[in-house]
N, C-alpha and C. Protein backbone atom coordinates (compact mmCIF):
# COMPACT_ATOMS: atom_id res chain seq x y z
N MET A 1 -15.08 13.90 -4.30
CA MET A 1 -14.47 13.53 -6.14
C MET A 1 -14.17 11.64 -5.15
N ALA A 2 -14.40 10.66 -5.95
CA ALA A 2 -13.83 9.54 -5.92
C ALA A 2 -12.41 9.27 -5.57
N LEU A 3 -11.58 8.06 -5.09
CA LEU A 3 -10.08 8.06 -5.07
C LEU A 3 -9.29 8.14 -6.63
N THR A 4 -10.49 7.43 -7.16
CA THR A 4 -9.69 7.17 -9.00
C THR A 4 -9.81 8.67 -9.35
N GLU A 5 -10.64 9.19 -9.19
CA GLU A 5 -10.69 10.63 -10.00
C GLU A 5 -9.13 11.41 -9.49
N LYS A 6 -9.08 11.22 -7.92
CA LYS A 6 -8.03 12.13 -7.26
C LYS A 6 -6.54 11.80 -8.03
N LEU A 7 -7.02 10.59 -7.77
CA LEU A 7 -5.70 10.03 -8.28
C LEU A 7 -5.10 10.39 -9.95
N ASN A 8 -6.50 10.42 -10.94
CA ASN A 8 -6.08 10.88 -12.44
C ASN A 8 -5.53 12.11 -12.21
N GLU A 9 -6.62 12.63 -11.12
CA GLU A 9 -5.89 14.33 -11.39
C GLU A 9 -5.02 14.93 -11.24
N PHE A 10 -4.15 14.02 -10.27
CA PHE A 10 -2.45 14.38 -9.96
C PHE A 10 -2.03 13.30 -10.95
N LYS A 11 -2.05 12.46 -11.61
CA LYS A 11 -0.93 12.17 -12.50
C LYS A 11 -1.51 12.83 -13.93
N LYS A 12 -2.46 13.79 -14.13
CA LYS A 12 -2.54 14.92 -15.09
C LYS A 12 -1.61 15.73 -14.91
N GLY A 13 -1.53 16.05 -13.62
CA GLY A 13 -0.63 17.34 -13.49
C GLY A 13 0.89 16.61 -13.20
N PHE A 14 1.26 15.73 -12.74
CA PHE A 14 2.61 14.66 -12.94
C PHE A 14 3.17 15.06 -14.66
N THR A 15 2.09 14.22 -15.62
CA THR A 15 2.98 13.93 -17.03
C THR A 15 2.67 15.37 -17.64
N GLU A 16 1.83 16.72 -17.15
CA GLU A 16 1.66 18.53 -17.66
C GLU A 16 3.51 18.71 -17.50
N ASN A 17 3.99 18.05 -15.93
CA ASN A 17 5.24 18.82 -15.43
C ASN A 17 6.52 18.13 -15.78
N VAL A 18 6.54 16.45 -16.51
CA VAL A 18 8.34 16.15 -16.26
C VAL A 18 8.11 15.89 -17.36
N PRO A 19 9.29 15.89 -17.82
CA PRO A 19 9.80 15.82 -19.19
C PRO A 19 9.66 14.16 -19.70
N GLN A 20 9.12 13.91 -20.95
CA GLN A 20 9.00 13.53 -21.71
C GLN A 20 10.13 11.81 -21.33
N ASP A 21 11.21 12.14 -21.53
CA ASP A 21 11.97 11.17 -21.12
C ASP A 21 11.90 10.52 -20.16
N ILE A 22 11.29 11.19 -18.95
CA ILE A 22 11.68 10.66 -17.77
C ILE A 22 10.78 10.06 -17.19
N GLN A 23 9.22 10.08 -17.95
CA GLN A 23 8.04 9.35 -18.53
C GLN A 23 8.22 8.28 -18.67
N ALA A 24 8.67 8.30 -19.55
CA ALA A 24 9.13 7.03 -20.28
C ALA A 24 10.09 6.31 -19.89
N LEU A 25 10.51 6.55 -19.01
CA LEU A 25 11.50 5.64 -18.31
C LEU A 25 10.67 4.65 -17.25
N MET A 26 9.52 5.92 -16.36
CA MET A 26 9.03 5.40 -15.59
C MET A 26 8.31 4.47 -16.12
N GLN A 27 7.29 5.07 -16.86
CA GLN A 27 6.48 3.86 -17.88
C GLN A 27 7.37 2.66 -18.49
N GLN A 28 8.27 2.81 -18.71
CA GLN A 28 8.45 1.63 -19.09
C GLN A 28 8.81 0.37 -17.81
N ALA A 29 9.75 1.11 -16.80
CA ALA A 29 9.78 0.15 -15.60
C ALA A 29 8.23 -0.22 -15.08
N THR A 30 7.52 0.01 -15.15
CA THR A 30 6.00 -0.16 -14.94
C THR A 30 5.48 -1.23 -15.71
N GLN A 31 6.01 -0.83 -17.40
CA GLN A 31 5.61 -2.03 -18.06
C GLN A 31 6.60 -3.28 -17.71
N ASN A 32 7.58 -3.03 -17.70
CA ASN A 32 8.32 -4.66 -17.28
C ASN A 32 8.01 -5.00 -15.93
N LEU A 33 7.00 -4.71 -15.04
CA LEU A 33 6.74 -5.54 -13.71
C LEU A 33 5.28 -5.93 -13.92
N ALA A 34 5.10 -5.50 -15.01
CA ALA A 34 3.51 -6.16 -15.89
C ALA A 34 3.98 -7.74 -16.23
N ASP A 35 5.25 -6.96 -16.98
CA ASP A 35 5.14 -8.20 -18.08
C ASP A 35 6.30 -9.41 -16.73
N SER A 36 6.78 -9.34 -16.17
CA SER A 36 7.28 -10.41 -15.22
C SER A 36 6.66 -11.38 -14.40
N GLY A 37 4.59 -10.96 -14.90
CA GLY A 37 3.79 -11.49 -14.10
C GLY A 37 3.96 -11.89 -12.94
N ILE A 38 4.33 -10.92 -12.10
CA ILE A 38 4.65 -11.02 -10.60
C ILE A 38 3.05 -11.21 -9.48
N VAL A 39 2.18 -10.47 -10.83
CA VAL A 39 1.09 -10.53 -10.23
C VAL A 39 0.29 -11.82 -10.11
N LEU A 40 0.64 -12.60 -10.33
CA LEU A 40 0.36 -13.94 -10.47
C LEU A 40 0.31 -14.80 -9.20
N ASN A 41 1.63 -14.63 -8.84
CA ASN A 41 2.19 -15.43 -7.72
C ASN A 41 1.66 -15.03 -6.03
N THR A 42 0.84 -14.05 -5.98
CA THR A 42 0.42 -13.01 -5.17
C THR A 42 -0.65 -13.51 -4.92
N PRO A 43 -1.52 -13.19 -3.31
CA PRO A 43 -2.49 -14.62 -2.55
C PRO A 43 -3.90 -13.93 -3.44
N LYS A 44 -4.54 -14.45 -3.35
CA LYS A 44 -5.81 -14.66 -3.83
C LYS A 44 -7.03 -14.76 -3.32
N LYS A 45 -8.13 -14.30 -3.74
CA LYS A 45 -8.88 -14.56 -2.61
C LYS A 45 -9.37 -16.21 -2.56
N GLY A 46 -10.15 -16.30 -1.46
CA GLY A 46 -10.13 -17.47 -1.37
C GLY A 46 -9.04 -18.29 -0.62
N ASP A 47 -7.75 -17.26 -0.44
CA ASP A 47 -6.72 -17.97 -0.10
C ASP A 47 -6.75 -18.08 1.39
N LYS A 48 -5.56 -18.51 2.32
CA LYS A 48 -5.66 -18.00 3.57
C LYS A 48 -4.71 -16.74 3.57
N LEU A 49 -4.90 -15.93 4.28
CA LEU A 49 -3.65 -14.51 3.81
C LEU A 49 -2.92 -15.06 5.52
N ALA A 50 -1.11 -15.23 5.12
CA ALA A 50 -0.29 -15.38 6.23
C ALA A 50 -0.71 -14.57 7.40
N GLU A 51 -0.13 -15.09 8.89
CA GLU A 51 0.21 -13.87 9.86
C GLU A 51 0.96 -13.38 9.71
N PHE A 52 0.96 -12.09 10.01
CA PHE A 52 2.03 -11.29 10.45
C PHE A 52 1.54 -10.89 12.04
N SER A 53 3.34 -10.40 12.09
CA SER A 53 3.66 -9.66 13.65
C SER A 53 4.24 -8.81 13.77
N LEU A 54 3.56 -7.19 13.41
CA LEU A 54 4.42 -6.10 12.97
C LEU A 54 4.36 -5.19 13.90
N VAL A 55 5.39 -4.14 14.03
CA VAL A 55 5.11 -3.10 14.94
C VAL A 55 4.03 -1.69 14.26
N ASN A 56 3.76 -0.91 15.28
CA ASN A 56 3.03 -0.16 14.96
C ASN A 56 3.73 1.08 15.16
N ALA A 57 3.69 2.14 14.84
CA ALA A 57 4.23 3.83 14.61
C ALA A 57 4.83 3.64 16.18
N GLN A 58 4.05 3.40 17.59
CA GLN A 58 4.33 3.25 18.88
C GLN A 58 5.31 2.09 19.45
N GLY A 59 5.75 1.23 18.47
CA GLY A 59 6.42 0.15 18.65
C GLY A 59 5.97 -0.69 19.32
N THR A 60 4.52 -1.39 19.69
CA THR A 60 3.73 -2.45 19.74
C THR A 60 3.54 -3.18 18.53
N ASP A 61 3.70 -4.47 19.26
CA ASP A 61 3.20 -5.71 17.92
C ASP A 61 2.23 -5.84 17.92
N VAL A 62 2.00 -5.75 16.61
CA VAL A 62 0.37 -6.27 16.36
C VAL A 62 0.34 -7.77 15.15
N SER A 63 -0.51 -8.02 16.06
CA SER A 63 -0.16 -9.76 14.68
C SER A 63 -2.13 -9.61 13.99
N LEU A 64 -1.95 -10.46 12.94
CA LEU A 64 -3.23 -10.43 11.99
C LEU A 64 -4.19 -11.13 13.02
N SER A 65 -3.31 -12.17 13.58
CA SER A 65 -4.98 -13.29 13.96
C SER A 65 -4.95 -12.32 15.43
N SER A 66 -4.71 -11.41 16.09
CA SER A 66 -4.90 -10.57 16.73
C SER A 66 -5.81 -9.57 16.73
N LEU A 67 -5.98 -8.91 15.47
CA LEU A 67 -6.91 -8.02 14.80
C LEU A 67 -8.21 -8.56 14.12
N LEU A 68 -7.80 -10.36 13.99
CA LEU A 68 -9.11 -11.00 13.57
C LEU A 68 -9.98 -11.49 14.72
N GLU A 69 -9.83 -11.24 16.08
CA GLU A 69 -10.36 -11.56 17.12
C GLU A 69 -11.93 -10.58 16.96
N ASP A 70 -11.48 -9.56 16.60
CA ASP A 70 -12.67 -8.71 16.53
C ASP A 70 -13.47 -8.68 15.25
N GLY A 71 -12.79 -9.28 14.44
CA GLY A 71 -14.03 -9.40 13.23
C GLY A 71 -12.85 -8.76 11.47
N PRO A 72 -13.59 -8.72 10.80
CA PRO A 72 -12.94 -8.47 9.39
C PRO A 72 -12.00 -7.62 9.69
N VAL A 73 -10.85 -7.70 8.45
CA VAL A 73 -9.43 -6.90 8.49
C VAL A 73 -9.44 -6.47 7.01
N VAL A 74 -8.97 -5.16 6.91
CA VAL A 74 -8.44 -4.74 5.22
C VAL A 74 -7.46 -4.10 5.95
N ILE A 75 -6.55 -4.46 4.70
CA ILE A 75 -5.25 -4.29 4.44
C ILE A 75 -5.09 -3.93 3.83
N THR A 76 -4.11 -2.33 3.69
CA THR A 76 -3.70 -1.87 2.39
C THR A 76 -2.25 -1.39 2.32
N PHE A 77 -1.03 -2.13 1.51
CA PHE A 77 -0.15 -1.76 1.13
C PHE A 77 0.29 -0.51 0.77
N TYR A 78 1.04 0.37 1.24
CA TYR A 78 1.66 1.73 0.46
C TYR A 78 3.15 1.96 0.74
N ARG A 79 4.23 2.22 -0.28
CA ARG A 79 5.36 2.31 -0.75
C ARG A 79 5.59 3.36 0.21
N GLY A 80 5.52 4.22 0.83
CA GLY A 80 6.02 5.18 1.40
C GLY A 80 4.99 6.74 1.69
N GLY A 81 5.62 7.48 2.92
CA GLY A 81 4.61 8.49 2.88
C GLY A 81 5.14 9.42 1.58
N TRP A 82 6.74 9.42 0.54
CA TRP A 82 7.37 10.10 0.02
C TRP A 82 5.73 9.48 -1.66
N CYS A 83 5.49 8.80 -1.55
CA CYS A 83 4.62 8.82 -2.95
C CYS A 83 3.07 9.45 -2.88
N PRO A 84 2.71 9.90 -3.72
CA PRO A 84 1.79 11.25 -3.22
C PRO A 84 0.61 10.37 -3.79
N TYR A 85 0.81 9.03 -4.44
CA TYR A 85 -0.30 8.05 -4.54
C TYR A 85 -1.03 7.32 -3.97
N CYS A 86 0.52 7.24 -2.68
CA CYS A 86 0.04 6.47 -1.84
C CYS A 86 -0.99 7.11 -0.35
N ASN A 87 -0.38 8.41 -0.46
CA ASN A 87 -1.22 9.70 0.18
C ASN A 87 -2.53 9.79 -0.09
N LEU A 88 -2.26 9.98 -1.23
CA LEU A 88 -4.08 10.00 -1.48
C LEU A 88 -4.94 9.09 -1.29
N ALA A 89 -4.79 7.80 -1.18
CA ALA A 89 -4.90 6.43 -1.27
C ALA A 89 -5.31 6.65 0.76
N LEU A 90 -4.14 6.53 1.14
CA LEU A 90 -4.33 7.07 2.18
C LEU A 90 -4.85 7.72 2.92
N ARG A 91 -5.69 8.71 2.88
CA ARG A 91 -6.71 10.00 3.01
C ARG A 91 -7.96 9.20 2.42
N ALA A 92 -7.82 8.83 1.59
CA ALA A 92 -9.50 7.98 0.76
C ALA A 92 -9.83 7.34 2.32
N TYR A 93 -8.94 6.05 2.63
CA TYR A 93 -9.16 5.13 3.78
C TYR A 93 -9.56 5.87 4.78
N GLN A 94 -9.04 6.70 5.28
CA GLN A 94 -9.31 7.52 6.28
C GLN A 94 -10.45 8.49 6.37
N ASP A 95 -11.37 8.78 5.21
CA ASP A 95 -12.28 9.08 5.18
C ASP A 95 -13.24 8.31 4.96
N SER A 96 -12.94 6.96 4.99
CA SER A 96 -14.20 5.72 4.50
C SER A 96 -13.90 4.82 6.19
N LEU A 97 -12.60 5.51 7.07
CA LEU A 97 -13.22 4.38 8.15
C LEU A 97 -14.14 5.10 8.89
N ALA A 98 -14.79 5.56 9.70
CA ALA A 98 -16.20 5.39 9.71
C ALA A 98 -16.90 4.33 9.39
N GLU A 99 -17.26 4.23 8.51
CA GLU A 99 -17.92 3.23 7.79
C GLU A 99 -17.14 1.69 7.44
N ILE A 100 -15.98 1.42 7.46
CA ILE A 100 -15.69 0.34 8.01
C ILE A 100 -15.84 -0.15 9.29
N LYS A 101 -15.68 0.84 10.55
CA LYS A 101 -15.86 -0.19 11.32
C LYS A 101 -17.23 -0.19 11.82
N ALA A 102 -18.29 0.79 11.09
CA ALA A 102 -19.36 0.30 11.87
C ALA A 102 -19.71 -0.92 11.03
N LEU A 103 -18.89 -1.10 10.19
CA LEU A 103 -19.25 -3.21 9.64
C LEU A 103 -18.45 -3.93 10.50
N GLY A 104 -17.74 -3.45 11.55
CA GLY A 104 -16.82 -4.52 12.66
C GLY A 104 -15.97 -4.67 11.71
N ALA A 105 -14.92 -3.92 10.64
CA ALA A 105 -13.86 -4.38 10.63
C ALA A 105 -12.77 -3.18 10.95
N THR A 106 -11.89 -4.37 11.04
CA THR A 106 -10.47 -3.04 11.44
C THR A 106 -9.44 -2.98 9.97
N LEU A 107 -9.18 -1.77 9.88
CA LEU A 107 -8.24 -1.05 8.67
C LEU A 107 -6.80 -1.24 9.10
N VAL A 108 -5.92 -1.64 8.77
CA VAL A 108 -4.64 -1.23 8.42
C VAL A 108 -4.14 -1.25 7.31
N ALA A 109 -2.89 -0.48 7.56
CA ALA A 109 -1.83 -0.19 6.16
C ALA A 109 -0.53 -0.21 6.69
N ILE A 110 0.27 -1.00 5.83
CA ILE A 110 1.61 -2.00 6.16
C ILE A 110 2.11 -1.00 4.64
N THR A 111 3.92 -1.32 5.79
CA THR A 111 4.33 -0.18 4.26
C THR A 111 6.02 0.03 5.25
N PRO A 112 6.87 -0.61 4.18
CA PRO A 112 8.40 -0.61 4.26
C PRO A 112 9.30 0.88 5.40
N GLU A 113 8.67 1.57 5.60
CA GLU A 113 8.78 2.21 6.32
C GLU A 113 9.35 2.10 7.44
N LEU A 114 10.39 2.72 8.43
CA LEU A 114 10.88 2.47 9.45
C LEU A 114 9.74 3.91 10.33
N ALA A 115 9.58 3.30 11.35
CA ALA A 115 8.67 3.66 12.30
C ALA A 115 8.98 5.45 12.45
N ASP A 116 9.89 5.59 12.40
CA ASP A 116 9.83 6.92 12.16
C ASP A 116 9.06 7.63 11.16
N ALA A 117 9.56 7.09 10.10
CA ALA A 117 8.56 7.43 8.58
C ALA A 117 7.18 7.37 9.00
N SER A 118 6.81 6.40 8.90
CA SER A 118 5.73 5.93 9.11
C SER A 118 4.69 6.69 10.29
N LEU A 119 5.23 7.17 11.18
CA LEU A 119 4.45 7.99 11.88
C LEU A 119 4.51 9.19 11.86
N SER A 120 5.30 9.57 10.56
CA SER A 120 5.12 11.02 10.02
C SER A 120 4.08 10.73 9.21
N THR A 121 4.24 10.18 8.60
CA THR A 121 2.87 9.73 7.23
C THR A 121 1.84 9.65 7.72
N THR A 122 1.48 8.93 9.11
CA THR A 122 0.11 9.08 9.87
C THR A 122 -0.28 10.47 10.42
N GLU A 123 0.96 11.24 10.83
CA GLU A 123 0.60 12.48 11.19
C GLU A 123 -0.03 13.60 10.09
N LYS A 124 0.97 13.32 9.06
CA LYS A 124 0.71 14.68 8.32
C LYS A 124 -0.48 13.92 7.12
N ASN A 125 -1.40 12.98 7.28
CA ASN A 125 -2.42 12.67 6.87
C ASN A 125 -3.50 12.18 7.59
N GLU A 126 -2.97 12.58 8.85
CA GLU A 126 -4.34 12.78 10.32
C GLU A 126 -4.89 11.15 9.99
N LEU A 127 -4.14 9.81 9.80
CA LEU A 127 -4.62 8.65 9.94
C LEU A 127 -5.33 8.47 11.42
N GLN A 128 -6.12 7.70 11.87
CA GLN A 128 -6.98 6.94 13.14
C GLN A 128 -6.61 5.67 12.84
N PHE A 129 -5.66 4.85 11.84
CA PHE A 129 -5.70 3.74 11.44
C PHE A 129 -4.23 3.18 12.28
N GLU A 130 -4.27 1.92 12.28
CA GLU A 130 -2.63 1.29 12.52
C GLU A 130 -1.82 1.74 11.11
N VAL A 131 -0.15 2.46 11.02
CA VAL A 131 0.27 2.09 10.32
C VAL A 131 1.44 1.06 10.96
N LEU A 132 1.75 0.24 10.17
CA LEU A 132 2.43 -1.24 10.36
C LEU A 132 3.65 -1.46 9.80
N THR A 133 5.10 -1.13 10.66
CA THR A 133 6.13 -0.88 9.50
C THR A 133 6.53 -2.63 9.48
N ASP A 134 6.67 -3.04 7.83
CA ASP A 134 7.18 -4.06 7.45
C ASP A 134 8.56 -4.15 7.02
N THR A 135 9.74 -4.44 8.07
CA THR A 135 10.97 -4.14 7.98
C THR A 135 11.57 -4.62 7.49
N ASN A 136 12.14 -4.15 6.33
CA ASN A 136 12.85 -4.67 4.59
C ASN A 136 11.62 -5.37 4.17
N ALA A 137 10.62 -4.77 4.23
CA ALA A 137 9.21 -5.99 3.50
C ALA A 137 9.27 -6.89 3.05
N LYS A 138 9.92 -7.58 4.53
CA LYS A 138 10.02 -9.02 4.55
C LYS A 138 8.11 -9.91 4.55
N TYR A 139 7.61 -9.35 4.98
CA TYR A 139 6.22 -9.89 4.83
C TYR A 139 5.28 -9.48 3.61
N ALA A 140 5.56 -8.73 3.26
CA ALA A 140 5.07 -8.01 1.89
C ALA A 140 5.90 -9.24 1.12
N LYS A 141 7.16 -9.01 0.90
CA LYS A 141 8.26 -10.23 0.13
C LYS A 141 7.75 -11.91 0.51
N ASP A 142 7.54 -12.43 1.69
CA ASP A 142 6.64 -13.09 1.87
C ASP A 142 5.48 -13.14 1.03
N LEU A 143 5.13 -12.69 0.49
CA LEU A 143 3.49 -12.83 -0.11
C LEU A 143 3.55 -12.63 -1.40
N GLY A 144 4.77 -12.32 -1.78
CA GLY A 144 4.83 -12.31 -3.45
C GLY A 144 4.71 -10.81 -3.58
N LEU A 145 4.60 -10.01 -2.96
CA LEU A 145 3.77 -8.85 -3.21
C LEU A 145 5.23 -7.09 -3.64
N VAL A 146 6.73 -7.80 -3.50
CA VAL A 146 7.21 -7.16 -3.61
C VAL A 146 8.55 -7.02 -4.76
N PHE A 147 8.72 -5.54 -5.34
CA PHE A 147 9.42 -5.55 -6.32
C PHE A 147 10.80 -4.47 -5.79
N THR A 148 12.17 -4.33 -6.84
CA THR A 148 13.26 -3.98 -6.15
C THR A 148 12.84 -2.38 -7.50
N LEU A 149 13.16 -1.61 -6.59
CA LEU A 149 12.92 0.41 -7.39
C LEU A 149 14.02 -0.10 -8.41
N PRO A 150 14.09 -0.43 -9.75
CA PRO A 150 15.09 -0.09 -10.45
C PRO A 150 16.50 0.54 -10.10
N GLU A 151 17.71 0.35 -10.60
CA GLU A 151 18.66 1.10 -10.44
C GLU A 151 18.62 2.26 -11.06
N GLU A 152 17.62 2.58 -12.43
CA GLU A 152 17.90 3.66 -13.68
C GLU A 152 16.65 4.57 -12.80
N LEU A 153 15.96 4.53 -11.40
CA LEU A 153 15.24 4.98 -11.02
C LEU A 153 15.25 5.76 -10.49
N ARG A 154 16.19 5.24 -9.79
CA ARG A 154 16.49 5.61 -8.71
C ARG A 154 17.18 7.39 -8.31
N PRO A 155 17.94 7.79 -9.67
CA PRO A 155 18.52 9.12 -9.23
C PRO A 155 16.99 9.93 -10.14
N ILE A 156 16.50 9.57 -10.88
CA ILE A 156 15.41 10.09 -10.94
C ILE A 156 14.29 10.55 -9.76
N TYR A 157 14.17 9.49 -9.23
CA TYR A 157 13.45 10.07 -7.78
C TYR A 157 14.37 10.88 -6.67
N SER A 158 15.56 10.30 -7.01
CA SER A 158 16.24 11.79 -5.65
C SER A 158 16.30 12.86 -6.51
N SER A 159 16.12 13.11 -8.33
CA SER A 159 16.04 14.33 -8.04
C SER A 159 14.05 15.45 -8.15
N PHE A 160 13.59 14.09 -7.68
CA PHE A 160 12.26 14.46 -7.08
C PHE A 160 12.09 15.07 -5.53
N GLY A 161 13.10 14.72 -5.22
CA GLY A 161 13.31 15.07 -3.63
C GLY A 161 13.15 13.90 -2.32
N ILE A 162 13.04 12.18 -3.76
CA ILE A 162 12.63 10.57 -2.64
C ILE A 162 13.58 10.71 -2.54
N GLU A 163 14.53 10.19 -1.25
CA GLU A 163 15.64 9.16 -1.16
C GLU A 163 14.90 8.35 -0.05
N VAL A 164 14.42 7.01 -0.98
CA VAL A 164 13.61 5.77 -0.34
C VAL A 164 14.74 5.40 0.59
N GLU A 165 15.90 5.78 0.95
CA GLU A 165 16.89 5.15 1.82
C GLU A 165 16.88 5.66 3.62
N GLU A 166 15.64 6.81 3.19
CA GLU A 166 15.38 7.94 4.65
C GLU A 166 14.39 7.22 4.80
N HIS A 167 13.82 6.69 4.16
CA HIS A 167 12.27 5.65 4.75
C HIS A 167 12.28 4.67 5.35
N ASN A 168 13.27 3.84 4.31
CA ASN A 168 13.45 2.29 4.42
C ASN A 168 14.68 1.84 5.41
N GLY A 169 15.45 3.07 4.88
CA GLY A 169 16.63 2.36 5.66
C GLY A 169 17.91 2.08 4.87
N ALA A 170 18.75 1.53 5.31
CA ALA A 170 20.03 1.67 4.24
C ALA A 170 20.25 0.72 2.99
N ASN A 171 19.67 0.74 2.23
CA ASN A 171 20.43 -0.08 0.51
C ASN A 171 19.08 -0.37 0.54
N GLN A 172 18.01 -0.32 1.25
CA GLN A 172 16.09 -0.87 1.18
C GLN A 172 15.88 -0.13 -0.01
N PHE A 173 15.46 -1.11 -0.98
CA PHE A 173 14.70 -0.37 -2.22
C PHE A 173 13.86 -0.94 -2.39
N ASP A 174 13.46 -2.44 -1.82
CA ASP A 174 12.56 -2.79 -1.99
C ASP A 174 10.85 -2.52 -1.31
N LEU A 175 9.94 -2.46 -2.26
CA LEU A 175 8.34 -2.16 -2.47
C LEU A 175 7.68 -3.15 -2.36
N PRO A 176 6.25 -2.76 -1.77
CA PRO A 176 5.15 -3.48 -2.43
C PRO A 176 4.55 -2.95 -3.20
N LEU A 177 4.03 -3.55 -4.32
CA LEU A 177 2.45 -3.05 -4.91
C LEU A 177 1.89 -2.89 -4.19
N ALA A 178 0.98 -1.70 -5.35
CA ALA A 178 -0.37 -1.53 -4.60
C ALA A 178 -1.18 -2.52 -4.46
N ALA A 179 -1.51 -3.21 -3.37
CA ALA A 179 -2.07 -4.01 -2.73
C ALA A 179 -3.23 -3.69 -1.84
N THR A 180 -4.61 -3.99 -1.87
CA THR A 180 -5.36 -4.20 -0.86
C THR A 180 -6.15 -5.35 -0.90
N PHE A 181 -6.11 -6.26 0.70
CA PHE A 181 -6.60 -6.81 1.02
C PHE A 181 -8.42 -6.98 1.65
N VAL A 182 -9.40 -7.90 1.82
CA VAL A 182 -10.40 -7.70 2.64
C VAL A 182 -10.22 -8.84 3.48
N VAL A 183 -10.16 -9.22 4.52
CA VAL A 183 -9.85 -10.78 5.05
C VAL A 183 -11.12 -10.86 6.24
N ALA A 184 -11.80 -11.78 5.59
CA ALA A 184 -12.67 -12.24 6.34
C ALA A 184 -12.39 -12.78 8.27
N GLN A 185 -12.92 -13.08 9.05
CA GLN A 185 -12.76 -13.22 10.26
C GLN A 185 -12.11 -14.28 10.64
N ASP A 186 -12.37 -15.49 9.39
CA ASP A 186 -12.26 -16.73 9.36
C ASP A 186 -10.14 -16.89 9.07
N GLY A 187 -9.75 -15.88 8.13
CA GLY A 187 -8.34 -15.60 7.73
C GLY A 187 -8.70 -15.42 6.61
N THR A 188 -9.52 -16.08 6.04
CA THR A 188 -9.63 -15.91 4.38
C THR A 188 -10.08 -15.01 3.30
N ILE A 189 -9.75 -14.75 2.39
CA ILE A 189 -8.98 -13.64 1.92
C ILE A 189 -10.62 -13.11 0.98
N ALA A 190 -11.49 -11.68 1.01
CA ALA A 190 -12.68 -12.01 0.54
C ALA A 190 -12.40 -11.27 -0.97
N SER A 191 -11.61 -10.65 -0.73
CA SER A 191 -11.08 -9.74 -2.13
C SER A 191 -9.43 -9.71 -1.85
N ALA A 192 -9.30 -9.28 -3.30
CA ALA A 192 -7.90 -9.05 -3.58
C ALA A 192 -7.14 -8.13 -4.74
N PHE A 193 -6.92 -6.98 -4.09
CA PHE A 193 -7.11 -6.20 -5.00
C PHE A 193 -5.04 -5.74 -5.45
N VAL A 194 -4.62 -6.70 -6.71
CA VAL A 194 -2.84 -6.50 -6.91
C VAL A 194 -2.94 -5.69 -7.79
N GLU A 195 -1.88 -4.75 -7.69
CA GLU A 195 -1.89 -3.54 -9.28
C GLU A 195 -0.61 -3.48 -9.25
N GLU A 196 0.48 -3.68 -10.68
CA GLU A 196 1.66 -3.72 -10.37
C GLU A 196 2.07 -2.10 -10.93
N ASP A 197 0.81 -1.12 -11.41
CA ASP A 197 0.47 0.19 -11.48
C ASP A 197 0.31 0.62 -10.07
N TYR A 198 1.74 1.49 -9.71
CA TYR A 198 1.57 1.99 -8.49
C TYR A 198 0.37 3.37 -8.80
N THR A 199 0.17 3.65 -9.73
CA THR A 199 -1.01 4.74 -10.03
C THR A 199 -2.50 4.47 -9.60
N LEU A 200 -3.01 3.30 -9.46
CA LEU A 200 -4.31 2.38 -9.04
C LEU A 200 -4.03 2.06 -8.43
N ARG A 201 -5.34 2.43 -7.49
CA ARG A 201 -5.24 1.68 -6.10
C ARG A 201 -7.21 1.16 -6.18
N GLN A 202 -7.02 0.64 -5.16
CA GLN A 202 -8.76 0.83 -5.05
C GLN A 202 -9.39 1.44 -4.42
N GLU A 203 -11.08 1.72 -4.74
CA GLU A 203 -11.90 2.49 -4.19
C GLU A 203 -12.50 1.42 -3.29
N PRO A 204 -11.90 2.71 -1.66
CA PRO A 204 -12.76 2.25 -0.75
C PRO A 204 -14.24 1.79 -0.75
N SER A 205 -14.88 2.64 -1.47
CA SER A 205 -16.15 1.83 -2.08
C SER A 205 -16.32 0.65 -2.27
N GLU A 206 -15.38 0.24 -3.11
CA GLU A 206 -15.26 -1.58 -3.39
C GLU A 206 -15.22 -2.06 -2.16
N VAL A 207 -14.43 -1.83 -1.01
CA VAL A 207 -13.99 -2.41 -0.02
C VAL A 207 -15.27 -2.38 0.93
N ILE A 208 -16.20 -1.44 0.95
CA ILE A 208 -17.26 -1.70 1.98
C ILE A 208 -18.26 -2.23 1.51
N LYS A 209 -18.37 -2.24 0.05
CA LYS A 209 -19.08 -3.61 -0.55
C LYS A 209 -18.69 -4.75 -0.69
N VAL A 210 -17.89 -5.05 0.06
CA VAL A 210 -17.02 -6.54 0.47
C VAL A 210 -17.60 -6.78 1.62
N LEU A 211 -17.29 -6.07 2.30
CA LEU A 211 -17.50 -5.49 3.69
C LEU A 211 -19.27 -6.43 4.45
N LYS A 212 -19.56 -5.22 3.33
CA LYS A 212 -21.34 -5.87 3.59
C LYS A 212 -21.51 -7.03 3.30
N SER A 213 -21.02 -8.19 2.26
CA SER A 213 -21.46 -8.89 1.98
C SER A 213 -20.59 -10.43 2.67
N LEU A 214 -20.17 -10.19 3.58
CA LEU A 214 -19.57 -11.00 4.79
C LEU A 214 -20.46 -11.43 5.67
């Protein structure tokens, strides 16, 4: 089953079990984000992706330039291990990891989750690629990818058992958009997928097509 099908299946179950008024609030928040035009100022195909140096789950620094020494890099951003759509996407990329590697590319995920939380996400999803912690979403913010979880949604998330601060740190409600970049070895963005709607993600098969074209 393709990732999009899995995302839609989960979304269908969610809408069948969550009260309409809560769904309306969540949908409005997504619409407000789209109306803000945030995507217009994010990195595009043909841009050079800004350098990063972020720590992995073991506390080791990993930089974009060091990853590019070995070939193209696929970078996918996720909100946190509490996000079911993120977990579905991470597992789908894990399922495609062998093919991505066979094309000479490296896959990494970037998240505002603290290292302990990202390690838990890595273990839960049996990920065999690097998950890098972007503390306070600083790098994602520099790329224009960050929005702040609206205050009216925070108690709703809590009612779902999601405490964002436990994952990101005290008073940290900044989250990245759903975004995946394929970066050619010279640092140029070969493809950019950026979505305000967190229920949408780029299919790994699309990433593989881009890698094959490099």
